[in-house]
Amino acid sequence: MLIDMSNNFFKRGAALKAEITNGKCPTCHQVTMLVSVTRDFYRCITCGSDLEQKVNGIIKYIPLNVRPHIPENKPEIKNG
């Protein structure tokens, strides 16, 4: 099977500029590295949370998709 590389995204010269910065993740509350491949959106390398960077005098990172905490299913223990 032949693959046509002429339509390859990277071959066309698309410029990707990754940025790595330190910050406190509001989801896992850890001071960690945040990685960005777009201007205002970052991902926490500790928990994987996607964050949006807001700059208004100070830099804040806001979670993009907050998932509700779902408790683990634990087996019920019966005495008897």
PDB file of N, CA and C in Angstrom:
ATOM      1  N   MET A   1       0.843  -1.176   0.000  1.00  0.00           N
ATOM      2  CA  MET A   1       0.000   0.000   0.000  1.00  0.00           C
ATOM      3  C   MET A   1       0.888   1.240   0.000  1.00  0.00           C
ATOM      4  N   LEU A   2       0.661   2.139  -0.928  1.00  0.00           N
ATOM      5  CA  LEU A   2       1.424   3.375  -1.022  1.00  0.00           C
ATOM      6  C   LEU A   2       0.682   4.503  -0.320  1.00  0.00           C
ATOM      7  N   ILE A   3       1.414   5.347   0.385  1.00  0.00           N
ATOM      8  CA  ILE A   3       0.828   6.486   1.082  1.00  0.00           C
ATOM      9  C   ILE A   3       1.259   7.752   0.362  1.00  0.00           C
ATOM     10  N   ASP A   4       0.301   8.579   0.001  1.00  0.00           N
ATOM     11  CA  ASP A   4       0.581   9.840  -0.679  1.00  0.00           C
ATOM     12  C   ASP A   4       1.028  10.868   0.352  1.00  0.00           C
ATOM     13  N   MET A   5       2.328  11.202   0.373  1.00  0.00           N
ATOM     14  CA  MET A   5       2.876  12.133   1.351  1.00  0.00           C
ATOM     15  C   MET A   5       2.701  13.591   0.926  1.00  0.00           C
ATOM     16  N   SER A   6       2.153  13.847  -0.256  1.00  0.00           N
ATOM     17  CA  SER A   6       2.008  15.233  -0.708  1.00  0.00           C
ATOM     18  C   SER A   6       0.973  16.002   0.108  1.00  0.00           C
ATOM     19  N   ASN A   7       0.055  15.296   0.759  1.00  0.00           N
ATOM     20  CA  ASN A   7      -0.963  15.950   1.572  1.00  0.00           C
ATOM     21  C   ASN A   7      -0.621  15.887   3.061  1.00  0.00           C
ATOM     22  N   ASN A   8       0.591  15.514   3.392  1.00  0.00           N
ATOM     23  CA  ASN A   8       1.011  15.414   4.783  1.00  0.00           C
ATOM     24  C   ASN A   8       1.061  16.810   5.406  1.00  0.00           C
ATOM     25  N   PHE A   9       0.421  16.989   6.553  1.00  0.00           N
ATOM     26  CA  PHE A   9       0.350  18.275   7.253  1.00  0.00           C
ATOM     27  C   PHE A   9       1.728  18.841   7.547  1.00  0.00           C
ATOM     28  N   PHE A  10       2.639  18.022   8.023  1.00  0.00           N
ATOM     29  CA  PHE A  10       3.954  18.497   8.400  1.00  0.00           C
ATOM     30  C   PHE A  10       4.830  18.786   7.185  1.00  0.00           C
ATOM     31  N   LYS A  11       4.618  18.077   6.113  1.00  0.00           N
ATOM     32  CA  LYS A  11       5.406  18.290   4.912  1.00  0.00           C
ATOM     33  C   LYS A  11       5.082  19.628   4.252  1.00  0.00           C
ATOM     34  N   ARG A  12       3.865  20.122   4.456  1.00  0.00           N
ATOM     35  CA  ARG A  12       3.452  21.388   3.862  1.00  0.00           C
ATOM     36  C   ARG A  12       4.114  22.585   4.533  1.00  0.00           C
ATOM     37  N   GLY A  13       4.848  22.376   5.592  1.00  0.00           N
ATOM     38  CA  GLY A  13       5.546  23.479   6.230  1.00  0.00           C
ATOM     39  C   GLY A  13       4.739  24.184   7.293  1.00  0.00           C
ATOM     40  N   ALA A  14       3.755  23.516   7.867  1.00  0.00           N
ATOM     41  CA  ALA A  14       2.989  24.122   8.950  1.00  0.00           C
ATOM     42  C   ALA A  14       3.910  24.350  10.140  1.00  0.00           C
ATOM     43  N   ALA A  15       3.889  25.549  10.658  1.00  0.00           N
ATOM     44  CA  ALA A  15       4.775  25.896  11.766  1.00  0.00           C
ATOM     45  C   ALA A  15       4.089  25.608  13.093  1.00  0.00           C
ATOM     46  N   LEU A  16       4.655  24.696  13.852  1.00  0.00           N
ATOM     47  CA  LEU A  16       4.174  24.422  15.200  1.00  0.00           C
ATOM     48  C   LEU A  16       5.177  25.005  16.173  1.00  0.00           C
ATOM     49  N   LYS A  17       4.687  25.763  17.114  1.00  0.00           N
ATOM     50  CA  LYS A  17       5.565  26.373  18.098  1.00  0.00           C
ATOM     51  C   LYS A  17       5.102  25.932  19.484  1.00  0.00           C
ATOM     52  N   ALA A  18       5.736  24.918  20.018  1.00  0.00           N
ATOM     53  CA  ALA A  18       5.387  24.429  21.349  1.00  0.00           C
ATOM     54  C   ALA A  18       6.019  25.332  22.396  1.00  0.00           C
ATOM     55  N   GLU A  19       5.260  25.587  23.450  1.00  0.00           N
ATOM     56  CA  GLU A  19       5.764  26.397  24.553  1.00  0.00           C
ATOM     57  C   GLU A  19       5.588  25.609  25.841  1.00  0.00           C
ATOM     58  N   ILE A  20       6.608  25.612  26.669  1.00  0.00           N
ATOM     59  CA  ILE A  20       6.548  24.943  27.966  1.00  0.00           C
ATOM     60  C   ILE A  20       6.766  25.998  29.031  1.00  0.00           C
ATOM     61  N   THR A  21       5.869  26.030  30.010  1.00  0.00           N
ATOM     62  CA  THR A  21       5.978  26.999  31.087  1.00  0.00           C
ATOM     63  C   THR A  21       5.658  26.323  32.410  1.00  0.00           C
ATOM     64  N   ASN A  22       6.089  26.914  33.485  1.00  0.00           N
ATOM     65  CA  ASN A  22       5.752  26.413  34.816  1.00  0.00           C
ATOM     66  C   ASN A  22       4.541  27.170  35.321  1.00  0.00           C
ATOM     67  N   GLY A  23       3.677  26.480  36.030  1.00  0.00           N
ATOM     68  CA  GLY A  23       2.494  27.118  36.592  1.00  0.00           C
ATOM     69  C   GLY A  23       1.798  26.173  37.538  1.00  0.00           C
ATOM     70  N   LYS A  24       0.810  26.685  38.263  1.00  0.00           N
ATOM     71  CA  LYS A  24       0.028  25.859  39.184  1.00  0.00           C
ATOM     72  C   LYS A  24      -1.267  25.461  38.495  1.00  0.00           C
ATOM     73  N   CYS A  25      -1.465  24.176  38.361  1.00  0.00           N
ATOM     74  CA  CYS A  25      -2.668  23.645  37.716  1.00  0.00           C
ATOM     75  C   CYS A  25      -3.847  23.795  38.675  1.00  0.00           C
ATOM     76  N   PRO A  26      -4.954  24.420  38.227  1.00  0.00           N
ATOM     77  CA  PRO A  26      -6.112  24.564  39.101  1.00  0.00           C
ATOM     78  C   PRO A  26      -6.896  23.265  39.283  1.00  0.00           C
ATOM     79  N   THR A  27      -6.605  22.260  38.485  1.00  0.00           N
ATOM     80  CA  THR A  27      -7.317  20.991  38.599  1.00  0.00           C
ATOM     81  C   THR A  27      -6.663  20.065  39.620  1.00  0.00           C
ATOM     82  N   CYS A  28      -5.345  19.859  39.504  1.00  0.00           N
ATOM     83  CA  CYS A  28      -4.644  18.953  40.433  1.00  0.00           C
ATOM     84  C   CYS A  28      -3.903  19.706  41.534  1.00  0.00           C
ATOM     85  N   HIS A  29      -3.887  21.045  41.453  1.00  0.00           N
ATOM     86  CA  HIS A  29      -3.275  21.914  42.473  1.00  0.00           C
ATOM     87  C   HIS A  29      -1.782  21.669  42.645  1.00  0.00           C
ATOM     88  N   GLN A  30      -1.116  21.201  41.598  1.00  0.00           N
ATOM     89  CA  GLN A  30       0.324  20.966  41.638  1.00  0.00           C
ATOM     90  C   GLN A  30       1.042  22.050  40.834  1.00  0.00           C
ATOM     91  N   VAL A  31       2.208  22.460  41.317  1.00  0.00           N
ATOM     92  CA  VAL A  31       3.077  23.321  40.509  1.00  0.00           C
ATOM     93  C   VAL A  31       3.768  22.383  39.529  1.00  0.00           C
ATOM     94  N   THR A  32       3.558  22.592  38.257  1.00  0.00           N
ATOM     95  CA  THR A  32       3.974  21.626  37.248  1.00  0.00           C
ATOM     96  C   THR A  32       4.333  22.336  35.957  1.00  0.00           C
ATOM     97  N   MET A  33       4.721  21.577  34.955  1.00  0.00           N
ATOM     98  CA  MET A  33       4.955  22.138  33.627  1.00  0.00           C
ATOM     99  C   MET A  33       3.651  22.092  32.843  1.00  0.00           C
ATOM    100  N   LEU A  34       3.408  23.171  32.111  1.00  0.00           N
ATOM    101  CA  LEU A  34       2.242  23.267  31.250  1.00  0.00           C
ATOM    102  C   LEU A  34       2.744  23.393  29.816  1.00  0.00           C
ATOM    103  N   VAL A  35       2.183  22.593  28.919  1.00  0.00           N
ATOM    104  CA  VAL A  35       2.647  22.541  27.535  1.00  0.00           C
ATOM    105  C   VAL A  35       1.571  23.119  26.629  1.00  0.00           C
ATOM    106  N   SER A  36       1.996  23.971  25.690  1.00  0.00           N
ATOM    107  CA  SER A  36       1.064  24.595  24.761  1.00  0.00           C
ATOM    108  C   SER A  36       1.564  24.443  23.336  1.00  0.00           C
ATOM    109  N   VAL A  37       0.642  24.140  22.419  1.00  0.00           N
ATOM    110  CA  VAL A  37       0.971  24.178  20.992  1.00  0.00           C
ATOM    111  C   VAL A  37       0.152  25.258  20.294  1.00  0.00           C
ATOM    112  N   THR A  38      -0.748  25.894  21.021  1.00  0.00           N
ATOM    113  CA  THR A  38      -1.467  27.052  20.523  1.00  0.00           C
ATOM    114  C   THR A  38      -1.220  28.208  21.483  1.00  0.00           C
ATOM    115  N   ARG A  39      -1.675  29.374  21.132  1.00  0.00           N
ATOM    116  CA  ARG A  39      -1.301  30.570  21.884  1.00  0.00           C
ATOM    117  C   ARG A  39      -1.823  30.605  23.321  1.00  0.00           C
ATOM    118  N   ASP A  40      -3.078  30.288  23.552  1.00  0.00           N
ATOM    119  CA  ASP A  40      -3.679  30.471  24.871  1.00  0.00           C
ATOM    120  C   ASP A  40      -4.167  29.189  25.545  1.00  0.00           C
ATOM    121  N   PHE A  41      -3.876  28.027  24.976  1.00  0.00           N
ATOM    122  CA  PHE A  41      -4.368  26.778  25.540  1.00  0.00           C
ATOM    123  C   PHE A  41      -3.206  25.886  25.937  1.00  0.00           C
ATOM    124  N   TYR A  42      -3.267  25.368  27.155  1.00  0.00           N
ATOM    125  CA  TYR A  42      -2.183  24.577  27.730  1.00  0.00           C
ATOM    126  C   TYR A  42      -2.719  23.252  28.240  1.00  0.00           C
ATOM    127  N   ARG A  43      -1.820  22.297  28.448  1.00  0.00           N
ATOM    128  CA  ARG A  43      -2.169  21.009  29.056  1.00  0.00           C
ATOM    129  C   ARG A  43      -1.204  20.738  30.197  1.00  0.00           C
ATOM    130  N   CYS A  44      -1.762  20.381  31.349  1.00  0.00           N
ATOM    131  CA  CYS A  44      -0.967  20.030  32.524  1.00  0.00           C
ATOM    132  C   CYS A  44      -0.326  18.666  32.284  1.00  0.00           C
ATOM    133  N   ILE A  45       0.985  18.562  32.492  1.00  0.00           N
ATOM    134  CA  ILE A  45       1.628  17.265  32.260  1.00  0.00           C
ATOM    135  C   ILE A  45       1.439  16.320  33.436  1.00  0.00           C
ATOM    136  N   THR A  46       0.949  16.824  34.576  1.00  0.00           N
ATOM    137  CA  THR A  46       0.721  15.960  35.729  1.00  0.00           C
ATOM    138  C   THR A  46      -0.618  15.237  35.623  1.00  0.00           C
ATOM    139  N   CYS A  47      -1.702  15.980  35.366  1.00  0.00           N
ATOM    140  CA  CYS A  47      -3.025  15.350  35.346  1.00  0.00           C
ATOM    141  C   CYS A  47      -3.667  15.307  33.965  1.00  0.00           C
ATOM    142  N   GLY A  48      -3.090  16.026  32.989  1.00  0.00           N
ATOM    143  CA  GLY A  48      -3.627  16.006  31.629  1.00  0.00           C
ATOM    144  C   GLY A  48      -4.777  16.964  31.397  1.00  0.00           C
ATOM    145  N   SER A  49      -5.075  17.822  32.353  1.00  0.00           N
ATOM    146  CA  SER A  49      -6.176  18.765  32.227  1.00  0.00           C
ATOM    147  C   SER A  49      -5.857  19.822  31.171  1.00  0.00           C
ATOM    148  N   ASP A  50      -6.851  20.147  30.345  1.00  0.00           N
ATOM    149  CA  ASP A  50      -6.706  21.208  29.358  1.00  0.00           C
ATOM    150  C   ASP A  50      -7.077  22.532  30.014  1.00  0.00           C
ATOM    151  N   LEU A  51      -6.227  23.553  29.811  1.00  0.00           N
ATOM    152  CA  LEU A  51      -6.390  24.833  30.478  1.00  0.00           C
ATOM    153  C   LEU A  51      -6.351  25.964  29.470  1.00  0.00           C
ATOM    154  N   GLU A  52      -7.072  27.026  29.781  1.00  0.00           N
ATOM    155  CA  GLU A  52      -7.012  28.233  28.973  1.00  0.00           C
ATOM    156  C   GLU A  52      -6.278  29.293  29.777  1.00  0.00           C
ATOM    157  N   GLN A  53      -5.331  29.964  29.141  1.00  0.00           N
ATOM    158  CA  GLN A  53      -4.559  31.003  29.821  1.00  0.00           C
ATOM    159  C   GLN A  53      -5.297  32.329  29.704  1.00  0.00           C
ATOM    160  N   LYS A  54      -5.495  32.982  30.854  1.00  0.00           N
ATOM    161  CA  LYS A  54      -6.114  34.308  30.903  1.00  0.00           C
ATOM    162  C   LYS A  54      -5.099  35.281  31.467  1.00  0.00           C
ATOM    163  N   VAL A  55      -4.890  36.405  30.800  1.00  0.00           N
ATOM    164  CA  VAL A  55      -3.948  37.415  31.263  1.00  0.00           C
ATOM    165  C   VAL A  55      -4.733  38.693  31.520  1.00  0.00           C
ATOM    166  N   ASN A  56      -4.804  39.095  32.781  1.00  0.00           N
ATOM    167  CA  ASN A  56      -5.488  40.324  33.165  1.00  0.00           C
ATOM    168  C   ASN A  56      -4.724  40.915  34.347  1.00  0.00           C
ATOM    169  N   GLY A  57      -3.531  41.382  34.090  1.00  0.00           N
ATOM    170  CA  GLY A  57      -2.667  41.859  35.165  1.00  0.00           C
ATOM    171  C   GLY A  57      -1.829  40.744  35.748  1.00  0.00           C
ATOM    172  N   ILE A  58      -2.419  39.557  35.913  1.00  0.00           N
ATOM    173  CA  ILE A  58      -1.704  38.354  36.342  1.00  0.00           C
ATOM    174  C   ILE A  58      -2.118  37.224  35.409  1.00  0.00           C
ATOM    175  N   ILE A  59      -1.300  36.204  35.357  1.00  0.00           N
ATOM    176  CA  ILE A  59      -1.602  35.060  34.492  1.00  0.00           C
ATOM    177  C   ILE A  59      -2.346  34.019  35.309  1.00  0.00           C
ATOM    178  N   LYS A  60      -3.515  33.595  34.806  1.00  0.00           N
ATOM    179  CA  LYS A  60      -4.291  32.535  35.439  1.00  0.00           C
ATOM    180  C   LYS A  60      -4.585  31.468  34.404  1.00  0.00           C
ATOM    181  N   TYR A  61      -4.680  30.232  34.879  1.00  0.00           N
ATOM    182  CA  TYR A  61      -5.038  29.115  34.017  1.00  0.00           C
ATOM    183  C   TYR A  61      -6.404  28.610  34.464  1.00  0.00           C
ATOM    184  N   ILE A  62      -7.345  28.548  33.531  1.00  0.00           N
ATOM    185  CA  ILE A  62      -8.721  28.165  33.807  1.00  0.00           C
ATOM    186  C   ILE A  62      -8.982  26.805  33.147  1.00  0.00           C
ATOM    187  N   PRO A  63      -9.530  25.817  33.905  1.00  0.00           N
ATOM    188  CA  PRO A  63      -9.847  24.523  33.291  1.00  0.00           C
ATOM    189  C   PRO A  63     -10.866  24.669  32.171  1.00  0.00           C
ATOM    190  N   LEU A  64     -10.650  23.961  31.073  1.00  0.00           N
ATOM    191  CA  LEU A  64     -11.581  24.010  29.944  1.00  0.00           C
ATOM    192  C   LEU A  64     -12.741  23.049  30.116  1.00  0.00           C
ATOM    193  N   ASN A  65     -12.457  21.851  30.514  1.00  0.00           N
ATOM    194  CA  ASN A  65     -13.508  20.853  30.655  1.00  0.00           C
ATOM    195  C   ASN A  65     -13.409  20.232  32.044  1.00  0.00           C
ATOM    196  N   VAL A  66     -14.229  20.708  32.935  1.00  0.00           N
ATOM    197  CA  VAL A  66     -14.219  20.195  34.297  1.00  0.00           C
ATOM    198  C   VAL A  66     -15.174  19.017  34.349  1.00  0.00           C
ATOM    199  N   ARG A  67     -14.643  17.861  34.669  1.00  0.00           N
ATOM    200  CA  ARG A  67     -15.450  16.654  34.763  1.00  0.00           C
ATOM    201  C   ARG A  67     -15.844  16.439  36.220  1.00  0.00           C
ATOM    202  N   PRO A  68     -17.099  16.118  36.474  1.00  0.00           N
ATOM    203  CA  PRO A  68     -17.498  15.870  37.861  1.00  0.00           C
ATOM    204  C   PRO A  68     -16.808  14.631  38.398  1.00  0.00           C
ATOM    205  N   HIS A  69     -16.523  14.660  39.692  1.00  0.00           N
ATOM    206  CA  HIS A  69     -15.868  13.514  40.319  1.00  0.00           C
ATOM    207  C   HIS A  69     -16.849  12.353  40.369  1.00  0.00           C
ATOM    208  N   ILE A  70     -16.439  11.216  39.835  1.00  0.00           N
ATOM    209  CA  ILE A  70     -17.271  10.011  39.858  1.00  0.00           C
ATOM    210  C   ILE A  70     -16.612   9.027  40.813  1.00  0.00           C
ATOM    211  N   PRO A  71     -17.286   8.710  41.931  1.00  0.00           N
ATOM    212  CA  PRO A  71     -16.676   7.788  42.894  1.00  0.00           C
ATOM    213  C   PRO A  71     -16.515   6.400  42.289  1.00  0.00           C
ATOM    214  N   GLU A  72     -15.473   5.716  42.737  1.00  0.00           N
ATOM    215  CA  GLU A  72     -15.217   4.354  42.261  1.00  0.00           C
ATOM    216  C   GLU A  72     -16.284   3.420  42.790  1.00  0.00           C
ATOM    217  N   ASN A  73     -16.608   2.418  41.992  1.00  0.00           N
ATOM    218  CA  ASN A  73     -17.544   1.398  42.454  1.00  0.00           C
ATOM    219  C   ASN A  73     -16.795   0.446  43.367  1.00  0.00           C
ATOM    220  N   LYS A  74     -17.153   0.461  44.623  1.00  0.00           N
ATOM    221  CA  LYS A  74     -16.515  -0.417  45.595  1.00  0.00           C
ATOM    222  C   LYS A  74     -17.505  -1.506  45.970  1.00  0.00           C
ATOM    223  N   PRO A  75     -17.025  -2.741  46.114  1.00  0.00           N
ATOM    224  CA  PRO A  75     -17.942  -3.829  46.485  1.00  0.00           C
ATOM    225  C   PRO A  75     -18.505  -3.592  47.886  1.00  0.00           C
ATOM    226  N   GLU A  76     -19.769  -3.933  48.013  1.00  0.00           N
ATOM    227  CA  GLU A  76     -20.425  -3.786  49.307  1.00  0.00           C
ATOM    228  C   GLU A  76     -20.017  -4.945  50.202  1.00  0.00           C
ATOM    229  N   ILE A  77     -19.608  -4.632  51.415  1.00  0.00           N
ATOM    230  CA  ILE A  77     -19.187  -5.660  52.370  1.00  0.00           C
ATOM    231  C   ILE A  77     -20.325  -5.882  53.353  1.00  0.00           C
ATOM    232  N   LYS A  78     -20.755  -7.148  53.433  1.00  0.00           N
ATOM    233  CA  LYS A  78     -21.852  -7.483  54.340  1.00  0.00           C
ATOM    234  C   LYS A  78     -21.300  -8.252  55.531  1.00  0.00           C
ATOM    235  N   ASN A  79     -21.767  -7.906  56.704  1.00  0.00           N
ATOM    236  CA  ASN A  79     -21.394  -8.643  57.910  1.00  0.00           C
ATOM    237  C   ASN A  79     -22.371  -9.803  58.072  1.00  0.00           C
ATOM    238  N   GLY A  80     -21.856 -10.933  58.366  1.00  0.00           N
ATOM    239  CA  GLY A  80     -22.813 -11.988  58.596  1.00  0.00           C
ATOM    240  C   GLY A  80     -22.260 -13.282  58.549  1.00  0.00           C
TER     241      GLY A  80
END
